[in-house]
C-alpha atoms as a PDB file:
ATOM      1  CA  MET A   1     -54.151 125.774  59.113  1.00  0.00           C
ATOM      2  CA  LYS A   2     -55.846 129.094  59.805  1.00  0.00           C
ATOM      3  CA  CYS A   3     -55.538 132.169  57.636  1.00  0.00           C
ATOM      4  CA  GLU A   4     -57.073 135.641  57.865  1.00  0.00           C
ATOM      5  CA  TYR A   5     -57.245 138.071  54.960  1.00  0.00           C
ATOM      6  CA  ASN A   6     -57.441 141.846  54.601  1.00  0.00           C
ATOM      7  CA  ASP A   7     -61.000 141.655  53.234  1.00  0.00           C
ATOM      8  CA  GLY A   8     -62.210 139.975  56.448  1.00  0.00           C
ATOM      9  CA  MET A   9     -62.295 136.432  55.109  1.00  0.00           C
ATOM     10  CA  LYS A  10     -61.111 133.705  57.483  1.00  0.00           C
ATOM     11  CA  VAL A  11     -60.255 130.172  56.398  1.00  0.00           C
ATOM     12  CA  ASN A  12     -59.659 127.229  58.677  1.00  0.00           C
ATOM     13  CA  TYR A  13     -58.609 123.952  57.085  1.00  0.00           C
ATOM     14  CA  SER A  14     -57.910 121.072  59.430  1.00  0.00           C
ATOM     15  CA  GLY A  15     -59.378 118.210  57.442  1.00  0.00           C
ATOM     16  CA  SER A  16     -62.724 119.990  57.446  1.00  0.00           C
ATOM     17  CA  LEU A  17     -63.049 123.360  55.757  1.00  0.00           C
ATOM     18  CA  ARG A  18     -64.578 126.462  57.358  1.00  0.00           C
ATOM     19  CA  VAL A  19     -64.755 129.791  55.529  1.00  0.00           C
ATOM     20  CA  THR A  20     -66.265 132.918  57.073  1.00  0.00           C
ATOM     21  CA  LYS A  21     -66.455 136.553  56.071  1.00  0.00           C
ATOM     22  CA  GLY A  22     -68.648 138.736  58.255  1.00  0.00           C
ATOM     23  CA  ASP A  23     -72.319 138.085  57.497  1.00  0.00           C
ATOM     24  CA  GLU A  24     -71.583 137.370  53.827  1.00  0.00           C
ATOM     25  CA  VAL A  25     -69.965 133.936  54.057  1.00  0.00           C
ATOM     26  CA  ASN A  26     -70.481 131.079  56.481  1.00  0.00           C
ATOM     27  CA  LEU A  27     -69.382 127.820  54.884  1.00  0.00           C
ATOM     28  CA  TYR A  28     -68.510 124.523  56.552  1.00  0.00           C
ATOM     29  CA  ILE A  29     -67.726 121.252  54.792  1.00  0.00           C
ATOM     30  CA  ALA A  30     -66.844 118.182  56.847  1.00  0.00           C
ATOM     31  CA  GLU A  31     -63.727 116.307  55.782  1.00  0.00           C
ATOM     32  CA  ASP A  32     -65.626 113.310  54.388  1.00  0.00           C
ATOM     33  CA  PHE A  33     -67.646 115.524  52.035  1.00  0.00           C
ATOM     34  CA  ILE A  34     -64.781 117.441  50.416  1.00  0.00           C
ATOM     35  CA  PRO A  35     -64.162 116.047  46.910  1.00  0.00           C
ATOM     36  CA  ALA A  36     -60.800 114.291  46.556  1.00  0.00           C
ATOM     37  CA  ASN A  37     -59.455 116.755  43.975  1.00  0.00           C
ATOM     38  CA  VAL A  38     -60.320 119.753  46.181  1.00  0.00           C
ATOM     39  CA  LYS A  39     -58.890 118.003  49.243  1.00  0.00           C
ATOM     40  CA  GLY A  40     -55.652 117.502  47.297  1.00  0.00           C
ATOM     41  CA  PHE A  41     -55.367 121.233  46.577  1.00  0.00           C
ATOM     42  CA  LEU A  42     -56.193 122.100  50.194  1.00  0.00           C
ATOM     43  CA  SER A  43     -53.597 119.644  51.513  1.00  0.00           C
ATOM     44  CA  LYS A  44     -50.969 121.007  49.146  1.00  0.00           C
ATOM     45  CA  ALA A  45     -51.657 124.594  50.267  1.00  0.00           C
ATOM     46  CA  GLU A  46     -51.478 123.443  53.886  1.00  0.00           C
ATOM     47  CA  SER A  47     -48.189 121.569  53.413  1.00  0.00           C
ATOM     48  CA  GLU A  48     -46.690 124.641  51.728  1.00  0.00           C
ATOM     49  CA  HIS A  49     -48.118 126.941  54.445  1.00  0.00           C
ATOM     50  CA  SER A  50     -49.601 129.056  51.658  1.00  0.00           C
ATOM     51  CA  CYS A  51     -52.419 131.284  52.858  1.00  0.00           C
ATOM     52  CA  GLU A  52     -52.537 132.764  49.364  1.00  0.00           C
ATOM     53  CA  GLU A  53     -53.377 129.392  47.787  1.00  0.00           C
ATOM     54  CA  LEU A  54     -55.740 128.436  50.612  1.00  0.00           C
ATOM     55  CA  GLY A  55     -57.639 131.693  50.054  1.00  0.00           C
ATOM     56  CA  LYS A  56     -57.914 131.079  46.312  1.00  0.00           C
ATOM     57  CA  ILE A  57     -59.305 127.588  46.889  1.00  0.00           C
ATOM     58  CA  ALA A  58     -61.749 128.856  49.521  1.00  0.00           C
ATOM     59  CA  LYS A  59     -63.070 131.492  47.115  1.00  0.00           C
ATOM     60  CA  ILE A  60     -63.556 128.887  44.371  1.00  0.00           C
ATOM     61  CA  VAL A  61     -65.356 126.511  46.742  1.00  0.00           C
ATOM     62  CA  THR A  62     -67.572 129.336  48.025  1.00  0.00           C
ATOM     63  CA  ALA A  63     -68.416 130.429  44.475  1.00  0.00           C
ATOM     64  CA  THR A  64     -69.212 126.823  43.522  1.00  0.00           C
ATOM     65  CA  VAL A  65     -71.321 125.602  46.449  1.00  0.00           C
ATOM     66  CA  GLY A  66     -72.577 128.893  47.880  1.00  0.00           C
ATOM     67  CA  SER A  67     -71.723 131.300  50.645  1.00  0.00           C
ATOM     68  CA  LYS A  68     -73.997 129.890  53.365  1.00  0.00           C
ATOM     69  CA  VAL A  69     -73.497 126.150  53.406  1.00  0.00           C
ATOM     70  CA  CYS A  70     -73.093 123.441  56.040  1.00  0.00           C
ATOM     71  CA  ILE A  71     -72.279 119.978  54.680  1.00  0.00           C
ATOM     72  CA  HIS A  72     -71.761 117.266  57.283  1.00  0.00           C
ATOM     73  CA  GLU A  73     -73.120 113.920  58.435  1.00  0.00           C
END
């Protein structure tokens, strides 16, 4: 699921999570490294086709782990 927001943020969740926003945010977390509780919220937002919820989750994840992060194998 891909969503774009008025503030320039872009979120792509397809198992892995990618969040970008100009030069401010560049976050990537591979599917295997997303905590189960967060993955549950992401999957729920995806199944409901809710860009609003996906954006909220992306902002929380970015605030928690940082704005320039790459977590993968």
